[in-house]
Every structure is written in structure tokens, then in C-alpha cells.
């Protein structure tokens, strides 16, 4: 019985599907499609983490972030530099501050 997915998947998934005796139907995304589908995948993985809170789901979020970073031509070092600069200017989330309103 066929199952529809229409989503970006990790590179080894087609081989895993074949090892399970099934046949995957896949295509290689164009640059524009890849960009769109990475963002969709980020939403999917964030939702899965929010639902489960599982560390492996958080790892999936990070994997997609790194794929987006790479697709955008941003080095690991540059992304970390941006994160550090923003933390220095605006802080982190360590104090658990919740803004209720501004009067």
C-alpha cells in the first residue's frame, strides 16, 4: 500500500526504505525547492520537538539549521560569531525573563 509524504528527507532514507523491501519514489530538489523545503522541514522538526521534548528531535532541529546554514553559505564559525554577538548585545535566555507588557 502506497504512502504519500512529499517532504525533504535525510540522504540515507531511500536506502533504508529499500532494505525494508519497499520502493521509494524520490527526486532531487532544485535550488529554489530545496530552500523552501528546508524551511518546511525546520517547521516540522520544531513541531516534533515541541510535542515530544525528546533530545533526538532537538538534534533533528539542529541538523536542519546546519543544512540551512550551509545552503545559505554561512560558515559554522560565522553563525557562532553571530550567536555570540547577539548574546552579548541582548543576553541569553538563562534568567528565564518573561516580558508581560511595556507601559
PDB file of N, CA and C in Angstrom:
ATOM      1  N   UNK A   1       0.841  -1.183   0.000  1.00  0.00           N
ATOM      2  CA  UNK A   1       0.000   0.000   0.000  1.00  0.00           C
ATOM      3  C   UNK A   1       0.886   1.246   0.000  1.00  0.00           C
ATOM      4  N   UNK A   2       0.677   2.137  -0.937  1.00  0.00           N
ATOM      5  CA  UNK A   2       1.481   3.353  -1.078  1.00  0.00           C
ATOM      6  C   UNK A   2       1.145   4.353   0.028  1.00  0.00           C
ATOM      7  N   UNK A   3       2.188   5.041   0.494  1.00  0.00           N
ATOM      8  CA  UNK A   3       2.037   6.118   1.479  1.00  0.00           C
ATOM      9  C   UNK A   3       2.628   7.379   0.873  1.00  0.00           C
ATOM     10  N   UNK A   4       1.942   8.491   0.999  1.00  0.00           N
ATOM     11  CA  UNK A   4       2.404   9.768   0.450  1.00  0.00           C
ATOM     12  C   UNK A   4       3.128  10.567   1.528  1.00  0.00           C
ATOM     13  N   UNK A   5       4.233  11.202   1.153  1.00  0.00           N
ATOM     14  CA  UNK A   5       4.991  12.020   2.098  1.00  0.00           C
ATOM     15  C   UNK A   5       5.237  13.433   1.564  1.00  0.00           C
ATOM     16  N   UNK A   6       5.787  13.564   0.384  1.00  0.00           N
ATOM     17  CA  UNK A   6       6.077  14.859  -0.234  1.00  0.00           C
ATOM     18  C   UNK A   6       6.829  15.791   0.712  1.00  0.00           C
ATOM     19  N   UNK A   7       7.988  15.333   1.206  1.00  0.00           N
ATOM     20  CA  UNK A   7       8.791  16.144   2.115  1.00  0.00           C
ATOM     21  C   UNK A   7      10.265  15.823   1.934  1.00  0.00           C
ATOM     22  N   UNK A   8      11.096  16.750   2.343  1.00  0.00           N
ATOM     23  CA  UNK A   8      12.536  16.570   2.327  1.00  0.00           C
ATOM     24  C   UNK A   8      12.908  15.520   3.367  1.00  0.00           C
ATOM     25  N   UNK A   9      13.801  14.610   2.972  1.00  0.00           N
ATOM     26  CA  UNK A   9      14.229  13.551   3.886  1.00  0.00           C
ATOM     27  C   UNK A   9      15.750  13.499   3.956  1.00  0.00           C
ATOM     28  N   UNK A  10      16.250  12.843   4.978  1.00  0.00           N
ATOM     29  CA  UNK A  10      17.691  12.637   5.104  1.00  0.00           C
ATOM     30  C   UNK A  10      18.187  11.747   3.971  1.00  0.00           C
ATOM     31  N   UNK A  11      19.448  11.921   3.615  1.00  0.00           N
ATOM     32  CA  UNK A  11      20.037  11.263   2.449  1.00  0.00           C
ATOM     33  C   UNK A  11      19.951   9.736   2.459  1.00  0.00           C
ATOM     34  N   UNK A  12      20.048   9.109   3.619  1.00  0.00           N
ATOM     35  CA  UNK A  12      20.088   7.641   3.685  1.00  0.00           C
ATOM     36  C   UNK A  12      18.702   7.004   3.735  1.00  0.00           C
ATOM     37  N   UNK A  13      17.648   7.788   3.826  1.00  0.00           N
ATOM     38  CA  UNK A  13      16.306   7.226   3.973  1.00  0.00           C
ATOM     39  C   UNK A  13      15.893   6.348   2.785  1.00  0.00           C
ATOM     40  N   UNK A  14      16.168   6.730   1.522  1.00  0.00           N
ATOM     41  CA  UNK A  14      15.785   5.828   0.420  1.00  0.00           C
ATOM     42  C   UNK A  14      16.412   4.437   0.546  1.00  0.00           C
ATOM     43  N   UNK A  15      17.666   4.362   0.956  1.00  0.00           N
ATOM     44  CA  UNK A  15      18.336   3.068   1.129  1.00  0.00           C
ATOM     45  C   UNK A  15      17.699   2.268   2.260  1.00  0.00           C
ATOM     46  N   UNK A  16      17.321   2.939   3.326  1.00  0.00           N
ATOM     47  CA  UNK A  16      16.660   2.266   4.455  1.00  0.00           C
ATOM     48  C   UNK A  16      15.313   1.705   4.002  1.00  0.00           C
ATOM     49  N   UNK A  17      14.585   2.479   3.215  1.00  0.00           N
ATOM     50  CA  UNK A  17      13.288   2.027   2.699  1.00  0.00           C
ATOM     51  C   UNK A  17      13.489   0.787   1.827  1.00  0.00           C
ATOM     52  N   UNK A  18      14.504   0.806   0.959  1.00  0.00           N
ATOM     53  CA  UNK A  18      14.791  -0.339   0.092  1.00  0.00           C
ATOM     54  C   UNK A  18      15.171  -1.575   0.900  1.00  0.00           C
ATOM     55  N   UNK A  19      15.953  -1.394   1.946  1.00  0.00           N
ATOM     56  CA  UNK A  19      16.332  -2.529   2.809  1.00  0.00           C
ATOM     57  C   UNK A  19      15.108  -3.149   3.472  1.00  0.00           C
ATOM     58  N   UNK A  20      14.047  -2.350   3.630  1.00  0.00           N
ATOM     59  CA  UNK A  20      12.801  -2.847   4.215  1.00  0.00           C
ATOM     60  C   UNK A  20      11.885  -3.469   3.163  1.00  0.00           C
ATOM     61  N   UNK A  21      12.397  -3.641   1.924  1.00  0.00           N
ATOM     62  CA  UNK A  21      11.634  -4.297   0.884  1.00  0.00           C
ATOM     63  C   UNK A  21      10.626  -3.412   0.178  1.00  0.00           C
ATOM     64  N   UNK A  22      10.740  -2.101   0.336  1.00  0.00           N
ATOM     65  CA  UNK A  22       9.824  -1.174  -0.313  1.00  0.00           C
ATOM     66  C   UNK A  22      10.584  -0.354  -1.350  1.00  0.00           C
ATOM     67  N   UNK A  23       9.858   0.336  -2.207  1.00  0.00           N
ATOM     68  CA  UNK A  23      10.468   1.124  -3.267  1.00  0.00           C
ATOM     69  C   UNK A  23      10.133   2.597  -3.068  1.00  0.00           C
ATOM     70  N   UNK A  24      11.155   3.431  -2.798  1.00  0.00           N
ATOM     71  CA  UNK A  24      10.895   4.864  -2.645  1.00  0.00           C
ATOM     72  C   UNK A  24      10.850   5.562  -4.003  1.00  0.00           C
ATOM     73  N   UNK A  25       9.957   6.493  -4.161  1.00  0.00           N
ATOM     74  CA  UNK A  25       9.922   7.351  -5.343  1.00  0.00           C
ATOM     75  C   UNK A  25      10.422   8.717  -4.887  1.00  0.00           C
ATOM     76  N   UNK A  26      11.569   9.147  -5.430  1.00  0.00           N
ATOM     77  CA  UNK A  26      12.215  10.383  -4.979  1.00  0.00           C
ATOM     78  C   UNK A  26      12.632  11.224  -6.174  1.00  0.00           C
ATOM     79  N   UNK A  27      12.962  12.475  -5.922  1.00  0.00           N
ATOM     80  CA  UNK A  27      13.604  13.335  -6.919  1.00  0.00           C
ATOM     81  C   UNK A  27      14.558  14.268  -6.189  1.00  0.00           C
ATOM     82  N   UNK A  28      15.484  14.862  -6.934  1.00  0.00           N
ATOM     83  CA  UNK A  28      16.421  15.824  -6.369  1.00  0.00           C
ATOM     84  C   UNK A  28      15.832  17.220  -6.516  1.00  0.00           C
ATOM     85  N   UNK A  29      15.753  17.925  -5.425  1.00  0.00           N
ATOM     86  CA  UNK A  29      15.162  19.267  -5.416  1.00  0.00           C
ATOM     87  C   UNK A  29      16.043  20.262  -6.163  1.00  0.00           C
ATOM     88  N   UNK A  30      15.396  21.196  -6.833  1.00  0.00           N
ATOM     89  CA  UNK A  30      16.112  22.333  -7.416  1.00  0.00           C
ATOM     90  C   UNK A  30      16.563  23.227  -6.265  1.00  0.00           C
ATOM     91  N   UNK A  31      17.385  24.206  -6.565  1.00  0.00           N
ATOM     92  CA  UNK A  31      17.834  25.132  -5.513  1.00  0.00           C
ATOM     93  C   UNK A  31      16.646  25.814  -4.826  1.00  0.00           C
ATOM     94  N   UNK A  32      15.712  26.324  -5.623  1.00  0.00           N
ATOM     95  CA  UNK A  32      14.552  27.028  -5.050  1.00  0.00           C
ATOM     96  C   UNK A  32      13.691  26.085  -4.224  1.00  0.00           C
ATOM     97  N   UNK A  33      13.475  24.876  -4.730  1.00  0.00           N
ATOM     98  CA  UNK A  33      12.670  23.902  -3.981  1.00  0.00           C
ATOM     99  C   UNK A  33      13.379  23.493  -2.697  1.00  0.00           C
ATOM    100  N   UNK A  34      14.695  23.286  -2.775  1.00  0.00           N
ATOM    101  CA  UNK A  34      15.471  22.890  -1.600  1.00  0.00           C
ATOM    102  C   UNK A  34      15.363  23.945  -0.507  1.00  0.00           C
ATOM    103  N   UNK A  35      15.496  25.206  -0.885  1.00  0.00           N
ATOM    104  CA  UNK A  35      15.379  26.297   0.088  1.00  0.00           C
ATOM    105  C   UNK A  35      14.009  26.273   0.760  1.00  0.00           C
ATOM    106  N   UNK A  36      12.963  26.132  -0.038  1.00  0.00           N
ATOM    107  CA  UNK A  36      11.596  26.099   0.507  1.00  0.00           C
ATOM    108  C   UNK A  36      11.398  24.884   1.400  1.00  0.00           C
ATOM    109  N   UNK A  37      11.860  23.741   0.943  1.00  0.00           N
ATOM    110  CA  UNK A  37      11.641  22.507   1.709  1.00  0.00           C
ATOM    111  C   UNK A  37      12.475  22.453   2.991  1.00  0.00           C
ATOM    112  N   UNK A  38      13.644  23.074   2.998  1.00  0.00           N
ATOM    113  CA  UNK A  38      14.409  23.153   4.245  1.00  0.00           C
ATOM    114  C   UNK A  38      13.635  23.928   5.305  1.00  0.00           C
ATOM    115  N   UNK A  39      13.012  25.007   4.903  1.00  0.00           N
ATOM    116  CA  UNK A  39      12.228  25.806   5.849  1.00  0.00           C
ATOM    117  C   UNK A  39      10.997  25.040   6.334  1.00  0.00           C
ATOM    118  N   UNK A  40      10.378  24.291   5.436  1.00  0.00           N
ATOM    119  CA  UNK A  40       9.263  23.433   5.830  1.00  0.00           C
ATOM    120  C   UNK A  40       9.748  22.370   6.820  1.00  0.00           C
ATOM    121  N   UNK A  41      10.921  21.808   6.547  1.00  0.00           N
ATOM    122  CA  UNK A  41      11.487  20.773   7.411  1.00  0.00           C
ATOM    123  C   UNK A  41      11.807  21.337   8.790  1.00  0.00           C
ATOM    124  N   UNK A  42      12.290  22.573   8.825  1.00  0.00           N
ATOM    125  CA  UNK A  42      12.567  23.203  10.110  1.00  0.00           C
ATOM    126  C   UNK A  42      11.278  23.313  10.933  1.00  0.00           C
ATOM    127  N   UNK A  43      10.199  23.761  10.298  1.00  0.00           N
ATOM    128  CA  UNK A  43       8.907  23.838  10.989  1.00  0.00           C
ATOM    129  C   UNK A  43       8.485  22.461  11.499  1.00  0.00           C
ATOM    130  N   UNK A  44       8.640  21.438  10.649  1.00  0.00           N
ATOM    131  CA  UNK A  44       8.257  20.070  11.019  1.00  0.00           C
ATOM    132  C   UNK A  44       9.047  19.590  12.233  1.00  0.00           C
ATOM    133  N   UNK A  45      10.358  19.782  12.190  1.00  0.00           N
ATOM    134  CA  UNK A  45      11.209  19.291  13.278  1.00  0.00           C
ATOM    135  C   UNK A  45      10.968  20.065  14.573  1.00  0.00           C
ATOM    136  N   UNK A  46      10.750  21.371  14.469  1.00  0.00           N
ATOM    137  CA  UNK A  46      10.445  22.162  15.671  1.00  0.00           C
ATOM    138  C   UNK A  46       9.140  21.671  16.288  1.00  0.00           C
ATOM    139  N   UNK A  47       8.125  21.432  15.458  1.00  0.00           N
ATOM    140  CA  UNK A  47       6.841  20.932  15.962  1.00  0.00           C
ATOM    141  C   UNK A  47       7.012  19.577  16.648  1.00  0.00           C
ATOM    142  N   UNK A  48       7.817  18.700  16.063  1.00  0.00           N
ATOM    143  CA  UNK A  48       8.053  17.392  16.671  1.00  0.00           C
ATOM    144  C   UNK A  48       8.769  17.537  18.005  1.00  0.00           C
ATOM    145  N   UNK A  49       9.724  18.471  18.091  1.00  0.00           N
ATOM    146  CA  UNK A  49      10.401  18.700  19.371  1.00  0.00           C
ATOM    147  C   UNK A  49       9.433  19.272  20.399  1.00  0.00           C
ATOM    148  N   UNK A  50       8.606  20.220  19.991  1.00  0.00           N
ATOM    149  CA  UNK A  50       7.645  20.813  20.918  1.00  0.00           C
ATOM    150  C   UNK A  50       6.679  19.762  21.451  1.00  0.00           C
ATOM    151  N   UNK A  51       6.307  18.834  20.601  1.00  0.00           N
ATOM    152  CA  UNK A  51       5.372  17.783  21.015  1.00  0.00           C
ATOM    153  C   UNK A  51       6.017  16.788  21.970  1.00  0.00           C
ATOM    154  N   UNK A  52       7.238  16.368  21.654  1.00  0.00           N
ATOM    155  CA  UNK A  52       7.857  15.290  22.424  1.00  0.00           C
ATOM    156  C   UNK A  52       8.863  15.763  23.468  1.00  0.00           C
ATOM    157  N   UNK A  53       9.560  16.853  23.170  1.00  0.00           N
ATOM    158  CA  UNK A  53      10.631  17.305  24.055  1.00  0.00           C
ATOM    159  C   UNK A  53      11.850  16.399  24.031  1.00  0.00           C
ATOM    160  N   UNK A  54      11.889  15.462  23.089  1.00  0.00           N
ATOM    161  CA  UNK A  54      12.960  14.477  23.036  1.00  0.00           C
ATOM    162  C   UNK A  54      14.249  15.082  22.479  1.00  0.00           C
ATOM    163  N   UNK A  55      15.362  14.674  23.054  1.00  0.00           N
ATOM    164  CA  UNK A  55      16.669  15.175  22.636  1.00  0.00           C
ATOM    165  C   UNK A  55      16.941  14.863  21.174  1.00  0.00           C
ATOM    166  N   UNK A  56      16.508  13.694  20.686  1.00  0.00           N
ATOM    167  CA  UNK A  56      16.760  13.357  19.276  1.00  0.00           C
ATOM    168  C   UNK A  56      15.991  14.278  18.336  1.00  0.00           C
ATOM    169  N   UNK A  57      14.859  14.787  18.776  1.00  0.00           N
ATOM    170  CA  UNK A  57      14.118  15.751  17.950  1.00  0.00           C
ATOM    171  C   UNK A  57      14.849  17.093  17.932  1.00  0.00           C
ATOM    172  N   UNK A  58      15.430  17.474  19.049  1.00  0.00           N
ATOM    173  CA  UNK A  58      16.235  18.694  19.094  1.00  0.00           C
ATOM    174  C   UNK A  58      17.458  18.556  18.192  1.00  0.00           C
ATOM    175  N   UNK A  59      18.036  17.359  18.155  1.00  0.00           N
ATOM    176  CA  UNK A  59      19.164  17.093  17.253  1.00  0.00           C
ATOM    177  C   UNK A  59      18.723  17.237  15.794  1.00  0.00           C
ATOM    178  N   UNK A  60      17.488  16.820  15.483  1.00  0.00           N
ATOM    179  CA  UNK A  60      16.968  16.985  14.126  1.00  0.00           C
ATOM    180  C   UNK A  60      16.818  18.459  13.779  1.00  0.00           C
ATOM    181  N   UNK A  61      16.370  19.263  14.733  1.00  0.00           N
ATOM    182  CA  UNK A  61      16.263  20.714  14.512  1.00  0.00           C
ATOM    183  C   UNK A  61      17.642  21.268  14.172  1.00  0.00           C
ATOM    184  N   UNK A  62      18.629  20.880  14.947  1.00  0.00           N
ATOM    185  CA  UNK A  62      19.987  21.359  14.722  1.00  0.00           C
ATOM    186  C   UNK A  62      20.523  20.907  13.360  1.00  0.00           C
ATOM    187  N   UNK A  63      20.211  19.693  12.954  1.00  0.00           N
ATOM    188  CA  UNK A  63      20.652  19.197  11.641  1.00  0.00           C
ATOM    189  C   UNK A  63      20.074  20.056  10.516  1.00  0.00           C
ATOM    190  N   UNK A  64      18.800  20.419  10.642  1.00  0.00           N
ATOM    191  CA  UNK A  64      18.175  21.261   9.623  1.00  0.00           C
ATOM    192  C   UNK A  64      18.774  22.667   9.655  1.00  0.00           C
ATOM    193  N   UNK A  65      19.035  23.193  10.845  1.00  0.00           N
ATOM    194  CA  UNK A  65      19.666  24.518  10.951  1.00  0.00           C
ATOM    195  C   UNK A  65      21.009  24.502  10.232  1.00  0.00           C
ATOM    196  N   UNK A  66      21.776  23.455  10.420  1.00  0.00           N
ATOM    197  CA  UNK A  66      23.086  23.376   9.749  1.00  0.00           C
ATOM    198  C   UNK A  66      22.933  23.217   8.236  1.00  0.00           C
ATOM    199  N   UNK A  67      21.914  22.513   7.793  1.00  0.00           N
ATOM    200  CA  UNK A  67      21.673  22.399   6.347  1.00  0.00           C
ATOM    201  C   UNK A  67      21.308  23.763   5.759  1.00  0.00           C
ATOM    202  N   UNK A  68      20.481  24.523   6.474  1.00  0.00           N
ATOM    203  CA  UNK A  68      20.118  25.870   6.019  1.00  0.00           C
ATOM    204  C   UNK A  68      21.351  26.767   6.024  1.00  0.00           C
ATOM    205  N   UNK A  69      22.144  26.684   7.075  1.00  0.00           N
ATOM    206  CA  UNK A  69      23.372  27.471   7.180  1.00  0.00           C
ATOM    207  C   UNK A  69      24.277  27.200   5.985  1.00  0.00           C
ATOM    208  N   UNK A  70      24.452  25.937   5.683  1.00  0.00           N
ATOM    209  CA  UNK A  70      25.322  25.550   4.573  1.00  0.00           C
ATOM    210  C   UNK A  70      24.736  26.014   3.231  1.00  0.00           C
ATOM    211  N   UNK A  71      23.434  25.845   3.057  1.00  0.00           N
ATOM    212  CA  UNK A  71      22.776  26.253   1.814  1.00  0.00           C
ATOM    213  C   UNK A  71      22.875  27.759   1.611  1.00  0.00           C
ATOM    214  N   UNK A  72      22.867  28.511   2.700  1.00  0.00           N
ATOM    215  CA  UNK A  72      22.977  29.966   2.644  1.00  0.00           C
ATOM    216  C   UNK A  72      24.422  30.455   2.558  1.00  0.00           C
ATOM    217  N   UNK A  73      25.376  29.510   2.636  1.00  0.00           N
ATOM    218  CA  UNK A  73      26.786  29.877   2.539  1.00  0.00           C
ATOM    219  C   UNK A  73      27.339  30.506   3.805  1.00  0.00           C
ATOM    220  N   UNK A  74      26.788  30.148   4.939  1.00  0.00           N
ATOM    221  CA  UNK A  74      27.234  30.685   6.231  1.00  0.00           C
ATOM    222  C   UNK A  74      28.084  29.619   6.918  1.00  0.00           C
ATOM    223  N   UNK A  75      29.290  29.974   7.297  1.00  0.00           N
ATOM    224  CA  UNK A  75      30.166  29.008   7.960  1.00  0.00           C
ATOM    225  C   UNK A  75      29.703  28.785   9.400  1.00  0.00           C
ATOM    226  N   UNK A  76      30.136  27.662   9.954  1.00  0.00           N
ATOM    227  CA  UNK A  76      29.844  27.363  11.358  1.00  0.00           C
ATOM    228  C   UNK A  76      30.400  28.483  12.234  1.00  0.00           C
ATOM    229  N   UNK A  77      31.599  28.925  11.893  1.00  0.00           N
ATOM    230  CA  UNK A  77      32.249  29.974  12.682  1.00  0.00           C
ATOM    231  C   UNK A  77      31.450  31.283  12.623  1.00  0.00           C
ATOM    232  N   UNK A  78      30.983  31.642  11.454  1.00  0.00           N
ATOM    233  CA  UNK A  78      30.204  32.879  11.303  1.00  0.00           C
ATOM    234  C   UNK A  78      28.885  32.797  12.062  1.00  0.00           C
ATOM    235  N   UNK A  79      28.214  31.655  11.991  1.00  0.00           N
ATOM    236  CA  UNK A  79      26.958  31.500  12.718  1.00  0.00           C
ATOM    237  C   UNK A  79      27.195  31.612  14.221  1.00  0.00           C
ATOM    238  N   UNK A  80      28.260  30.997  14.696  1.00  0.00           N
ATOM    239  CA  UNK A  80      28.582  31.080  16.122  1.00  0.00           C
ATOM    240  C   UNK A  80      28.950  32.516  16.500  1.00  0.00           C
ATOM    241  N   UNK A  81      29.668  33.210  15.629  1.00  0.00           N
ATOM    242  CA  UNK A  81      30.012  34.613  15.877  1.00  0.00           C
ATOM    243  C   UNK A  81      28.740  35.456  16.001  1.00  0.00           C
ATOM    244  N   UNK A  82      27.792  35.248  15.094  1.00  0.00           N
ATOM    245  CA  UNK A  82      26.525  35.990  15.145  1.00  0.00           C
ATOM    246  C   UNK A  82      25.751  35.680  16.424  1.00  0.00           C
ATOM    247  N   UNK A  83      25.725  34.400  16.803  1.00  0.00           N
ATOM    248  CA  UNK A  83      25.039  33.996  18.033  1.00  0.00           C
ATOM    249  C   UNK A  83      25.678  34.646  19.252  1.00  0.00           C
ATOM    250  N   UNK A  84      27.007  34.655  19.289  1.00  0.00           N
ATOM    251  CA  UNK A  84      27.740  35.246  20.409  1.00  0.00           C
ATOM    252  C   UNK A  84      27.525  36.749  20.476  1.00  0.00           C
ATOM    253  N   UNK A  85      27.580  37.419  19.329  1.00  0.00           N
ATOM    254  CA  UNK A  85      27.355  38.873  19.305  1.00  0.00           C
ATOM    255  C   UNK A  85      25.956  39.228  19.799  1.00  0.00           C
ATOM    256  N   UNK A  86      24.976  38.483  19.348  1.00  0.00           N
ATOM    257  CA  UNK A  86      23.603  38.752  19.764  1.00  0.00           C
ATOM    258  C   UNK A  86      23.445  38.500  21.268  1.00  0.00           C
ATOM    259  N   UNK A  87      24.079  37.449  21.761  1.00  0.00           N
ATOM    260  CA  UNK A  87      24.024  37.153  23.194  1.00  0.00           C
ATOM    261  C   UNK A  87      24.684  38.268  24.006  1.00  0.00           C
ATOM    262  N   UNK A  88      25.785  38.789  23.490  1.00  0.00           N
ATOM    263  CA  UNK A  88      26.489  39.873  24.188  1.00  0.00           C
ATOM    264  C   UNK A  88      25.632  41.138  24.194  1.00  0.00           C
ATOM    265  N   UNK A  89      24.969  41.436  23.088  1.00  0.00           N
ATOM    266  CA  UNK A  89      24.170  42.656  22.980  1.00  0.00           C
ATOM    267  C   UNK A  89      22.817  42.552  23.685  1.00  0.00           C
ATOM    268  N   UNK A  90      22.182  41.391  23.617  1.00  0.00           N
ATOM    269  CA  UNK A  90      20.810  41.250  24.108  1.00  0.00           C
ATOM    270  C   UNK A  90      20.657  40.228  25.221  1.00  0.00           C
ATOM    271  N   UNK A  91      21.727  39.509  25.519  1.00  0.00           N
ATOM    272  CA  UNK A  91      21.665  38.485  26.550  1.00  0.00           C
ATOM    273  C   UNK A  91      21.297  37.128  25.980  1.00  0.00           C
ATOM    274  N   UNK A  92      21.204  36.187  26.884  1.00  0.00           N
ATOM    275  CA  UNK A  92      20.832  34.818  26.512  1.00  0.00           C
ATOM    276  C   UNK A  92      19.413  34.571  27.018  1.00  0.00           C
ATOM    277  N   UNK A  93      19.122  33.369  27.427  1.00  0.00           N
ATOM    278  CA  UNK A  93      17.812  33.042  27.996  1.00  0.00           C
ATOM    279  C   UNK A  93      17.985  32.393  29.368  1.00  0.00           C
ATOM    280  N   UNK A  94      19.127  32.623  29.988  1.00  0.00           N
ATOM    281  CA  UNK A  94      19.468  31.956  31.241  1.00  0.00           C
ATOM    282  C   UNK A  94      18.619  32.416  32.424  1.00  0.00           C
ATOM    283  N   UNK A  95      18.197  33.672  32.431  1.00  0.00           N
ATOM    284  CA  UNK A  95      17.468  34.220  33.583  1.00  0.00           C
ATOM    285  C   UNK A  95      15.960  33.949  33.513  1.00  0.00           C
ATOM    286  N   UNK A  96      15.504  33.339  32.435  1.00  0.00           N
ATOM    287  CA  UNK A  96      14.090  32.949  32.283  1.00  0.00           C
ATOM    288  C   UNK A  96      13.131  34.133  32.350  1.00  0.00           C
ATOM    289  N   UNK A  97      13.550  35.288  31.864  1.00  0.00           N
ATOM    290  CA  UNK A  97      12.749  36.511  31.916  1.00  0.00           C
ATOM    291  C   UNK A  97      11.601  36.420  30.918  1.00  0.00           C
ATOM    292  N   UNK A  98      10.380  36.717  31.373  1.00  0.00           N
ATOM    293  CA  UNK A  98       9.192  36.744  30.508  1.00  0.00           C
ATOM    294  C   UNK A  98       8.673  38.174  30.488  1.00  0.00           C
ATOM    295  N   UNK A  99       8.597  38.773  29.320  1.00  0.00           N
ATOM    296  CA  UNK A  99       8.076  40.130  29.172  1.00  0.00           C
ATOM    297  C   UNK A  99       6.550  40.059  29.120  1.00  0.00           C
ATOM    298  N   UNK A 100       5.910  40.673  30.075  1.00  0.00           N
ATOM    299  CA  UNK A 100       4.453  40.663  30.132  1.00  0.00           C
ATOM    300  C   UNK A 100       3.853  41.817  29.339  1.00  0.00           C
ATOM    301  N   UNK A 101       4.424  43.005  29.495  1.00  0.00           N
ATOM    302  CA  UNK A 101       3.966  44.168  28.720  1.00  0.00           C
ATOM    303  C   UNK A 101       4.945  45.300  28.920  1.00  0.00           C
ATOM    304  N   UNK A 102       4.818  46.317  28.100  1.00  0.00           N
ATOM    305  CA  UNK A 102       5.611  47.533  28.222  1.00  0.00           C
ATOM    306  C   UNK A 102       4.632  48.677  28.349  1.00  0.00           C
ATOM    307  N   UNK A 103       4.808  49.495  29.384  1.00  0.00           N
ATOM    308  CA  UNK A 103       3.893  50.625  29.625  1.00  0.00           C
ATOM    309  C   UNK A 103       4.584  51.945  29.385  1.00  0.00           C
TER     310      UNK A 103
END
